Amino acid sequence: MSIGSLNKGIIPMSHNKIDIAEIKSSLNAIGERAVFASRQLAIMSSTEKNECLSAIANQLEKDKDTILEANEKDIDNGIKNGLSSAMIDRLRLDEKRIKEMSKGLKELIKLEDPVDKVLSTTVRPNGLEIQKVSVPIGVIAIIYESRPNVTIDAAGLCIKSGNAVILRGGSESINSNLALAHSISRACLSKGIDKSIVQLLPWTNREAVSLLLKMDSYINLVIPRGGEGLIKKVVQESTIPVIKHYKGICNIFIDNDCDEKMALDIIVNAKCQRPGVCNAAETLLIHEDIAEQIAPKIAKTLTERGVELRGDKQFCSIIPNTKKATEEDWGTEYLDLILSIKIVPNIQTAIDHINRYGSQHSDLIITNNVYNAKKFMKEIDSSTVYHNASTRFTDGHEFGMGAEIGISTDKIHARGPMGLKELNTYKYLVFGNGQTR
C-alpha cells in the first residue's frame, strides 16, 4: 500500500501550499477522529493494546527500506539547509535505529497497563463505596523537534496508556515522520484498530501549530518536546493545559563533610558524560570549609576534560585565570562543556541559591552528613533531588518506567520523568444501594 493511498481523503498531503482555512477544517476533522478513537482505545484490553504495539514493531522492520528512503530525503535537505553535524546525527535513521525503535515497543509490552487501577477505596458511614480509578487522559498532542524516533516513542506510550495522540514533528524530519506514521497506520489496520489513535500532522508551517494549540474542544493535553523557544511558544499560545520544562539548570552542592573521590566522580559524570542534555549539571556550589582543598582537584579534573570553568570571586582567587561568572551564568543552561562554580558559606546559602536560580529540574547534594542530606532534600523545590548520585539519572528508563514521554518541572498532575502512569488521570466510581442525601 502506498503512502498516499493511506491518507487519501483523510489528511491533505501538501506541506506548505494549503491555505489556512483548509488547514483549520482538516484539523477539526483530525480532532473529531482523535476523540472518537480515544474512546475506543480507552476500553481496549491490555492484550489488544499489546498486540497493536507488537504489530507496529514488526511493521517498522518490514517497512525499513521505505523509512530509510524517506529519511535520506530529510538528510539531504538538512545538509542543503546547513544543519550542524550534531543535528544531522539526531535526524539520521539506519537499520540499527529502526531495530531499537522496534525493540522499545516490545519493551513497552512488558510493562504493566496503567489503566483501570484502583488507586484508593473509601467506604462512607452511609454505606457508599467510593473508588478512585486510573483512566486515560483522552487526546494528547505532542509537538517535538528533530529526532524521528520520538514519533514511535510517543505513539507507543500513548497507545499503552490508552490515549489517542496527535503528533507534530519538526519540519526537518517531515518525510521520516510521515513514513513512520504510515507504518503505524498499516499495523493498526492489520489488527482492525482505528488508525486515528495515532495521527501525524503533515504541515510544516507554524500556522498549523498555532491552530492546533487552540483545539481545546478536542485535545486534553499538550506536551512539547524540544528547545526552550518551542516550549515558550506552546505555553504562550495554547488554550489547552501544557506539561513541560523550560530548562534543565541542574545544581550540585558539595558539603564540607563529603567523600572527595565520590564528589569528583559524580561531578565528572553529571557534567561531562552528555553535556547537551537537560539532566547534565550546569552549576557547582562548594562549601567554603573545603574549597581550598577540593577546588584545585575539581579544576584539574574538569579542565583536562575540556570543561570551561566560570567562577565567583572566591573560586577565582583559589584558581587563578578562571573566567569570572556573571549574574546571568547562575541561571544559564549551557548544554555544553561549561560549568559555573560558586563558593558558599553553608548549606542554607546553597539551598537558597538553588531555589532562586535553578529550574526545578534536578539538584544534588554530596555529603556524608545525614542531617544535611535530609535538610537539602526537604527544602530544595525541584522535581528530583539527589543525595550522592549523579543528576544524569533523571530519566524515565533509569527510574524503571521503561520509557518516558518527557520530563516535567510543573507541580500539577505530573512532575519529573513522565511514564505510562503520568499519562493517566483518574475518576471516581461510587457504589450505593439506594442512598439519598
Protein backbone atom coordinates (compact mmCIF):
# COMPACT_ATOMS: atom_id res chain seq x y z
CA MET A 1 0.00 0.00 0.00
CA SER A 2 1.42 3.41 -0.93
CA ILE A 3 1.83 6.29 1.49
CA GLY A 4 -0.54 8.44 -0.49
CA SER A 5 -3.30 5.83 -0.55
CA LEU A 6 -3.30 5.52 3.22
CA ASN A 7 -4.19 9.20 3.58
CA LYS A 8 -6.37 9.65 0.53
CA GLY A 9 -9.46 11.58 1.54
CA ILE A 10 -8.27 11.83 5.13
CA ILE A 11 -5.34 14.24 5.52
CA PRO A 12 -4.10 16.71 2.90
CA MET A 13 -0.58 15.79 1.88
CA SER A 14 0.80 19.15 0.73
CA HIS A 15 3.04 20.63 3.39
CA ASN A 16 3.07 24.35 2.82
CA LYS A 17 0.78 25.34 -0.07
CA ILE A 18 -2.55 24.60 1.55
CA ASP A 19 -4.43 27.69 2.80
CA ILE A 20 -5.18 28.37 6.47
CA ALA A 21 -8.92 27.81 6.14
CA GLU A 22 -8.32 24.36 4.69
CA ILE A 23 -5.79 23.54 7.42
CA LYS A 24 -8.30 24.58 10.09
CA SER A 25 -11.02 22.45 8.54
CA SER A 26 -8.68 19.46 8.28
CA LEU A 27 -7.51 19.94 11.86
CA ASN A 28 -11.08 19.87 13.11
CA ALA A 29 -11.59 16.59 11.27
CA ILE A 30 -8.39 15.22 12.82
CA GLY A 31 -9.63 16.30 16.25
CA GLU A 32 -13.01 14.65 15.80
CA ARG A 33 -11.40 11.39 14.70
CA ALA A 34 -8.98 11.53 17.62
CA VAL A 35 -11.79 11.92 20.16
CA PHE A 36 -13.71 9.01 18.65
CA ALA A 37 -10.58 6.84 18.53
CA SER A 38 -9.65 7.75 22.13
CA ARG A 39 -12.99 6.38 23.36
CA GLN A 40 -12.40 3.12 21.57
CA LEU A 41 -8.82 2.90 22.82
CA ALA A 42 -9.84 3.64 26.42
CA ILE A 43 -11.89 0.44 26.59
CA MET A 44 -9.41 -1.81 24.80
CA SER A 45 -7.95 -4.64 26.84
CA SER A 46 -4.26 -4.84 27.71
CA THR A 47 -3.96 -7.77 25.31
CA GLU A 48 -5.42 -5.76 22.42
CA LYS A 49 -3.13 -2.79 23.08
CA ASN A 50 -0.09 -5.03 23.34
CA GLU A 51 -1.00 -6.78 20.09
CA CYS A 52 -1.19 -3.38 18.44
CA LEU A 53 2.25 -2.42 19.75
CA SER A 54 3.67 -5.74 18.56
CA ALA A 55 2.18 -5.20 15.11
CA ILE A 56 3.75 -1.72 14.91
CA ALA A 57 7.13 -3.09 15.99
CA ASN A 58 7.03 -5.73 13.28
CA GLN A 59 5.74 -3.30 10.65
CA LEU A 60 8.65 -0.94 11.26
CA GLU A 61 11.13 -3.65 10.35
CA LYS A 62 9.09 -4.69 7.31
CA ASP A 63 8.99 -1.06 6.11
CA LYS A 64 12.63 -0.27 6.87
CA ASP A 65 13.59 0.36 3.24
CA THR A 66 10.74 2.84 2.75
CA ILE A 67 11.55 4.54 6.06
CA LEU A 68 15.26 4.82 5.24
CA GLU A 69 14.47 6.20 1.79
CA ALA A 70 12.27 8.90 3.35
CA ASN A 71 14.94 9.63 5.95
CA GLU A 72 17.55 10.09 3.25
CA LYS A 73 15.43 12.88 1.77
CA ASP A 74 15.43 14.63 5.16
CA ILE A 75 19.19 14.15 5.49
CA ASP A 76 19.79 15.61 2.02
CA ASN A 77 17.52 18.58 2.77
CA GLY A 78 19.20 19.08 6.14
CA ILE A 79 22.66 19.20 4.59
CA LYS A 80 21.44 21.66 1.94
CA ASN A 81 19.89 23.82 4.67
CA GLY A 82 23.11 23.89 6.67
CA LEU A 83 22.11 21.77 9.67
CA SER A 84 25.01 21.03 12.01
CA SER A 85 26.61 17.59 12.06
CA ALA A 86 25.08 17.02 15.51
CA MET A 87 21.61 17.81 14.17
CA ILE A 88 22.16 15.56 11.17
CA ASP A 89 23.15 12.75 13.52
CA ARG A 90 19.97 13.23 15.57
CA LEU A 91 17.96 13.19 12.36
CA ARG A 92 19.59 10.14 10.80
CA LEU A 93 17.97 6.71 10.86
CA ASP A 94 19.65 3.42 9.98
CA GLU A 95 18.73 -0.25 10.35
CA LYS A 96 20.11 -0.32 13.89
CA ARG A 97 18.00 2.65 15.00
CA ILE A 98 14.89 1.19 13.43
CA LYS A 99 15.52 -2.06 15.30
CA GLU A 100 15.95 -0.05 18.50
CA MET A 101 12.56 1.62 17.93
CA SER A 102 11.01 -1.80 17.37
CA LYS A 103 12.72 -3.14 20.49
CA GLY A 104 11.45 -0.16 22.51
CA LEU A 105 7.85 -1.01 21.59
CA LYS A 106 8.37 -4.63 22.59
CA GLU A 107 9.74 -3.46 25.95
CA LEU A 108 6.57 -1.38 26.43
CA ILE A 109 4.51 -4.54 26.02
CA LYS A 110 6.18 -5.98 29.11
CA LEU A 111 5.18 -3.02 31.29
CA GLU A 112 2.09 -3.06 33.46
CA ASP A 113 -1.00 -1.45 31.96
CA PRO A 114 -1.71 1.73 33.98
CA VAL A 115 -5.42 1.87 33.10
CA ASP A 116 -8.25 0.79 35.43
CA LYS A 117 -6.10 0.53 38.55
CA VAL A 118 -7.97 1.12 41.82
CA LEU A 119 -5.92 3.87 43.46
CA SER A 120 -7.95 4.04 46.68
CA THR A 121 -11.23 2.81 48.17
CA THR A 122 -13.31 4.57 50.82
CA VAL A 123 -16.48 3.32 52.50
CA ARG A 124 -18.57 6.13 53.97
CA PRO A 125 -20.72 5.83 57.12
CA ASN A 126 -23.84 5.79 54.90
CA GLY A 127 -22.54 2.69 53.09
CA LEU A 128 -21.37 4.39 49.88
CA GLU A 129 -18.24 2.77 48.48
CA ILE A 130 -16.06 5.27 46.59
CA GLN A 131 -13.25 4.03 44.35
CA LYS A 132 -10.61 6.25 42.76
CA VAL A 133 -9.65 4.57 39.47
CA SER A 134 -6.97 5.42 36.88
CA VAL A 135 -8.21 6.30 33.38
CA PRO A 136 -6.60 7.67 30.20
CA ILE A 137 -6.37 11.44 29.75
CA GLY A 138 -8.05 11.22 26.33
CA VAL A 139 -6.40 13.01 23.39
CA ILE A 140 -2.80 14.20 23.72
CA ALA A 141 -0.95 16.46 21.29
CA ILE A 142 2.84 16.10 21.22
CA ILE A 143 4.93 18.77 19.48
CA TYR A 144 8.58 17.90 19.02
CA GLU A 145 11.74 18.62 17.06
CA SER A 146 14.46 16.74 15.18
CA ARG A 147 14.60 13.09 16.22
CA PRO A 148 12.13 10.95 14.23
CA ASN A 149 12.29 8.16 16.83
CA VAL A 150 10.11 10.39 19.06
CA THR A 151 7.27 9.59 16.64
CA ILE A 152 7.42 5.93 17.65
CA ASP A 153 8.20 6.53 21.34
CA ALA A 154 5.28 8.92 21.74
CA ALA A 155 2.85 6.75 19.79
CA GLY A 156 3.77 3.65 21.78
CA LEU A 157 3.45 5.32 25.18
CA CYS A 158 0.11 6.87 24.29
CA ILE A 159 -1.33 3.62 22.96
CA LYS A 160 -0.20 1.65 26.02
CA SER A 161 -1.69 4.28 28.35
CA GLY A 162 -4.97 4.34 26.41
CA ASN A 163 -4.66 7.80 24.82
CA ALA A 164 -5.13 8.87 21.23
CA VAL A 165 -2.31 11.13 20.07
CA ILE A 166 -1.85 13.89 17.51
CA LEU A 167 1.82 14.31 16.57
CA ARG A 168 3.54 17.34 15.10
CA GLY A 169 7.21 16.74 14.38
CA GLY A 170 9.83 19.16 13.13
CA SER A 171 9.97 20.28 9.51
CA GLU A 172 13.48 18.85 9.17
CA SER A 173 12.15 15.29 9.73
CA ILE A 174 8.81 15.53 7.90
CA ASN A 175 9.49 12.74 5.38
CA SER A 176 10.79 10.35 8.03
CA ASN A 177 7.86 11.07 10.33
CA LEU A 178 5.32 10.54 7.58
CA ALA A 179 6.86 7.19 6.71
CA LEU A 180 6.86 6.11 10.37
CA ALA A 181 3.25 7.26 10.79
CA HIS A 182 2.22 5.18 7.78
CA SER A 183 3.86 2.11 9.29
CA ILE A 184 1.77 2.72 12.41
CA SER A 185 -1.37 3.05 10.29
CA ARG A 186 -0.64 -0.18 8.44
CA ALA A 187 -0.13 -2.02 11.72
CA CYS A 188 -3.37 -0.68 13.19
CA LEU A 189 -5.33 -1.64 10.09
CA SER A 190 -3.87 -5.16 10.21
CA LYS A 191 -5.36 -5.55 13.69
CA GLY A 192 -8.71 -3.95 12.88
CA ILE A 193 -7.90 -0.95 15.07
CA ASP A 194 -8.89 2.62 14.21
CA LYS A 195 -5.68 4.15 12.81
CA SER A 196 -6.79 7.55 14.13
CA ILE A 197 -5.40 6.56 17.53
CA VAL A 198 -2.17 8.00 16.08
CA GLN A 199 -2.31 10.92 13.63
CA LEU A 200 0.61 12.95 12.33
CA LEU A 201 0.17 16.50 11.06
CA PRO A 202 1.64 16.72 7.54
CA TRP A 203 2.11 20.50 7.55
CA THR A 204 5.45 22.11 8.35
CA ASN A 205 4.20 25.71 8.60
CA ARG A 206 3.90 27.35 12.02
CA GLU A 207 0.31 28.37 11.45
CA ALA A 208 -0.76 24.74 11.80
CA VAL A 209 0.82 24.59 15.26
CA SER A 210 -0.93 27.79 16.33
CA LEU A 211 -4.27 26.38 15.22
CA LEU A 212 -3.58 23.04 16.89
CA LEU A 213 -2.94 24.80 20.20
CA LYS A 214 -6.46 26.28 20.14
CA MET A 215 -8.22 22.91 19.73
CA ASP A 216 -9.28 22.63 23.38
CA SER A 217 -12.63 21.12 22.38
CA TYR A 218 -10.75 18.04 21.11
CA ILE A 219 -7.35 17.90 22.83
CA ASN A 220 -6.96 17.38 26.58
CA LEU A 221 -3.22 17.88 26.99
CA VAL A 222 -0.22 19.24 25.06
CA ILE A 223 3.32 18.01 25.64
CA PRO A 224 6.09 19.97 23.86
CA ARG A 225 9.50 18.31 23.49
CA GLY A 226 12.32 20.49 22.27
CA GLY A 227 14.20 23.70 22.95
CA GLU A 228 13.13 26.50 25.24
CA GLY A 229 11.91 28.61 22.30
CA LEU A 230 9.49 25.93 21.14
CA ILE A 231 8.19 25.30 24.65
CA LYS A 232 7.63 29.01 25.36
CA LYS A 233 5.74 29.38 22.09
CA VAL A 234 3.48 26.47 23.00
CA VAL A 235 2.78 27.81 26.51
CA GLN A 236 2.07 31.32 25.23
CA GLU A 237 -0.33 30.23 22.50
CA SER A 238 -2.06 27.18 23.95
CA THR A 239 -5.61 27.24 25.32
CA ILE A 240 -5.01 23.59 26.33
CA PRO A 241 -3.15 22.51 29.51
CA VAL A 242 0.58 22.07 28.83
CA ILE A 243 3.10 19.86 30.65
CA LYS A 244 6.66 20.99 30.10
CA HIS A 245 10.05 22.04 31.37
CA TYR A 246 11.82 25.10 30.02
CA LYS A 247 15.39 24.49 31.17
CA GLY A 248 17.50 21.95 32.97
CA ILE A 249 19.63 24.10 35.27
CA CYS A 250 20.88 21.28 37.48
CA ASN A 251 22.93 22.21 40.55
CA ILE A 252 25.42 20.21 42.62
CA PHE A 253 26.29 21.20 46.21
CA ILE A 254 29.42 19.68 47.78
CA ASP A 255 29.02 19.74 51.55
CA ASN A 256 32.02 20.13 53.86
CA ASP A 257 31.57 16.54 55.07
CA CYS A 258 31.90 14.52 51.87
CA ASP A 259 33.85 11.76 50.15
CA GLU A 260 36.18 13.62 47.79
CA LYS A 261 36.60 10.77 45.32
CA MET A 262 32.84 10.27 45.16
CA ALA A 263 32.37 14.00 44.61
CA LEU A 264 34.86 14.10 41.73
CA ASP A 265 33.40 11.00 40.07
CA ILE A 266 29.85 12.33 40.29
CA ILE A 267 30.77 15.82 39.04
CA VAL A 268 32.58 14.38 36.01
CA ASN A 269 29.63 12.15 35.17
CA ALA A 270 26.99 14.84 35.70
CA LYS A 271 28.85 17.44 33.61
CA CYS A 272 30.86 15.51 31.03
CA GLN A 273 29.05 12.31 30.07
CA ARG A 274 26.48 14.10 27.89
CA PRO A 275 26.71 17.86 28.41
CA GLY A 276 24.00 18.64 25.86
CA VAL A 277 21.08 17.10 27.79
CA CYS A 278 18.67 18.59 30.32
CA ASN A 279 19.85 16.49 33.27
CA ALA A 280 23.52 17.49 32.96
CA ALA A 281 24.95 19.67 35.74
CA GLU A 282 25.33 23.39 35.00
CA THR A 283 26.31 24.89 38.39
CA LEU A 284 28.55 23.62 41.19
CA LEU A 285 28.37 25.00 44.74
CA ILE A 286 31.23 24.22 47.15
CA HIS A 287 31.18 24.62 50.93
CA GLU A 288 33.85 27.17 51.85
CA ASP A 289 35.33 24.94 54.58
CA ILE A 290 36.70 22.54 51.92
CA ALA A 291 37.07 24.93 48.98
CA GLU A 292 40.85 25.42 49.28
CA GLN A 293 41.32 21.66 49.44
CA ILE A 294 38.94 20.39 46.77
CA ALA A 295 38.67 23.26 44.25
CA PRO A 296 42.11 22.61 42.65
CA LYS A 297 41.29 18.93 42.22
CA ILE A 298 37.94 19.76 40.63
CA ALA A 299 39.53 22.36 38.34
CA LYS A 300 42.27 19.97 37.19
CA THR A 301 39.86 17.07 36.64
CA LEU A 302 37.36 19.12 34.63
CA THR A 303 39.77 21.21 32.56
CA GLU A 304 41.53 18.01 31.50
CA ARG A 305 38.17 17.01 30.03
CA GLY A 306 37.74 20.26 28.17
CA VAL A 307 35.32 21.95 30.59
CA GLU A 308 35.35 25.75 30.72
CA LEU A 309 35.00 26.95 34.32
CA ARG A 310 33.28 30.19 35.30
CA GLY A 311 33.81 31.02 38.96
CA ASP A 312 32.70 33.56 41.52
CA LYS A 313 35.27 35.88 43.12
CA GLN A 314 36.26 33.40 45.81
CA PHE A 315 36.72 30.49 43.40
CA CYS A 316 38.75 32.69 41.04
CA SER A 317 41.04 33.62 43.93
CA ILE A 318 41.72 29.91 44.53
CA ILE A 319 42.02 29.01 40.83
CA PRO A 320 43.67 31.96 39.03
CA ASN A 321 42.90 32.62 35.35
CA THR A 322 39.36 31.21 35.75
CA LYS A 323 36.77 33.17 33.82
CA LYS A 324 34.63 35.22 36.19
CA ALA A 325 30.98 34.16 36.37
CA THR A 326 28.30 36.79 35.79
CA GLU A 327 24.86 37.01 37.39
CA GLU A 328 23.44 35.56 34.17
CA ASP A 329 25.61 32.44 34.46
CA TRP A 330 23.80 31.17 37.56
CA GLY A 331 20.57 30.86 35.58
CA THR A 332 22.03 29.61 32.29
CA GLU A 333 21.56 26.16 30.80
CA TYR A 334 24.80 25.80 28.83
CA LEU A 335 24.14 22.40 27.23
CA ASP A 336 27.89 22.40 26.68
CA LEU A 337 31.18 21.73 28.48
CA ILE A 338 30.82 24.84 30.65
CA LEU A 339 30.30 24.88 34.42
CA SER A 340 29.66 27.82 36.74
CA ILE A 341 31.14 27.44 40.24
CA LYS A 342 30.36 29.30 43.46
CA ILE A 343 31.81 29.03 46.98
CA VAL A 344 29.11 29.19 49.69
CA PRO A 345 29.44 29.56 53.49
CA ASN A 346 26.87 26.92 54.47
CA ILE A 347 24.15 24.58 53.31
CA GLN A 348 21.38 27.15 53.75
CA THR A 349 23.10 29.52 51.31
CA ALA A 350 23.36 26.65 48.83
CA ILE A 351 19.67 25.84 49.21
CA ASP A 352 18.68 29.50 48.79
CA HIS A 353 20.87 29.82 45.67
CA ILE A 354 19.38 26.72 44.04
CA ASN A 355 15.79 27.69 44.82
CA ARG A 356 16.46 31.14 43.32
CA TYR A 357 18.43 30.28 40.20
CA GLY A 358 17.55 26.65 39.47
CA SER A 359 14.84 25.44 37.12
CA GLN A 360 13.23 22.90 39.50
CA HIS A 361 14.60 20.06 37.39
CA SER A 362 17.30 18.02 39.21
CA ASP A 363 19.59 19.07 42.07
CA LEU A 364 22.14 17.17 44.14
CA ILE A 365 23.91 17.24 47.49
CA ILE A 366 27.13 15.28 48.00
CA THR A 367 27.55 14.70 51.74
CA ASN A 368 28.18 12.12 54.45
CA ASN A 369 26.05 14.15 56.88
CA VAL A 370 22.60 12.53 57.14
CA TYR A 371 21.04 15.62 58.73
CA ASN A 372 22.28 17.88 55.93
CA ALA A 373 21.14 15.39 53.29
CA LYS A 374 17.62 15.34 54.77
CA LYS A 375 17.54 19.14 55.07
CA PHE A 376 18.64 19.61 51.45
CA MET A 377 16.20 17.04 50.08
CA LYS A 378 13.30 18.54 52.04
CA GLU A 379 13.97 22.20 51.26
CA ILE A 380 15.02 22.08 47.60
CA ASP A 381 11.96 22.82 45.45
CA SER A 382 12.73 20.64 42.42
CA SER A 383 11.11 17.71 40.68
CA THR A 384 14.05 15.42 41.51
CA VAL A 385 16.51 15.83 44.40
CA TYR A 386 19.57 13.60 44.80
CA HIS A 387 21.87 12.54 47.61
CA ASN A 388 25.23 11.17 46.47
CA ALA A 389 24.17 10.22 42.92
CA SER A 390 24.52 11.88 39.51
CA THR A 391 21.73 14.08 38.16
CA ARG A 392 22.06 12.13 34.91
CA PHE A 393 19.69 9.53 36.36
CA THR A 394 16.67 11.81 35.84
CA ASP A 395 15.28 9.70 33.04
CA GLY A 396 12.20 7.51 32.73
CA HIS A 397 14.19 4.44 31.77
CA GLU A 398 16.64 4.90 34.66
CA PHE A 399 13.69 5.35 37.05
CA GLY A 400 12.31 1.95 36.00
CA MET A 401 9.43 3.39 33.98
CA GLY A 402 10.53 1.53 30.86
CA ALA A 403 10.18 4.68 28.79
CA GLU A 404 9.24 8.31 29.21
CA ILE A 405 7.24 10.88 27.32
CA GLY A 406 9.31 13.73 28.76
CA ILE A 407 10.31 15.45 31.99
CA SER A 408 8.03 17.92 33.76
CA THR A 409 9.02 20.71 36.12
CA ASP A 410 5.37 21.58 36.67
CA LYS A 411 3.75 20.83 40.03
CA ILE A 412 0.24 19.88 38.95
CA HIS A 413 -0.60 16.41 37.62
CA ALA A 414 2.92 15.26 36.71
CA ARG A 415 6.39 16.14 37.97
CA GLY A 416 9.80 14.75 36.97
CA PRO A 417 10.15 11.92 34.42
CA MET A 418 6.77 11.06 32.92
CA GLY A 419 6.00 7.45 32.09
CA LEU A 420 2.82 5.49 31.50
CA LYS A 421 1.22 6.29 34.87
CA GLU A 422 1.64 10.03 34.29
CA LEU A 423 -0.33 9.71 31.03
CA ASN A 424 -3.36 8.69 33.08
CA THR A 425 -5.70 10.73 35.24
CA TYR A 426 -8.47 9.31 37.45
CA LYS A 427 -12.18 9.26 38.05
CA TYR A 428 -14.36 8.23 40.99
CA LEU A 429 -16.69 5.23 40.90
CA VAL A 430 -19.40 5.41 43.58
CA PHE A 431 -21.36 2.27 44.54
CA GLY A 432 -24.57 2.51 46.52
CA ASN A 433 -27.70 0.56 47.44
CA GLY A 434 -30.32 3.27 47.36
CA GLN A 435 -28.69 6.04 49.44
CA THR A 436 -30.12 9.54 49.11
CA ARG A 437 -28.93 12.81 50.61
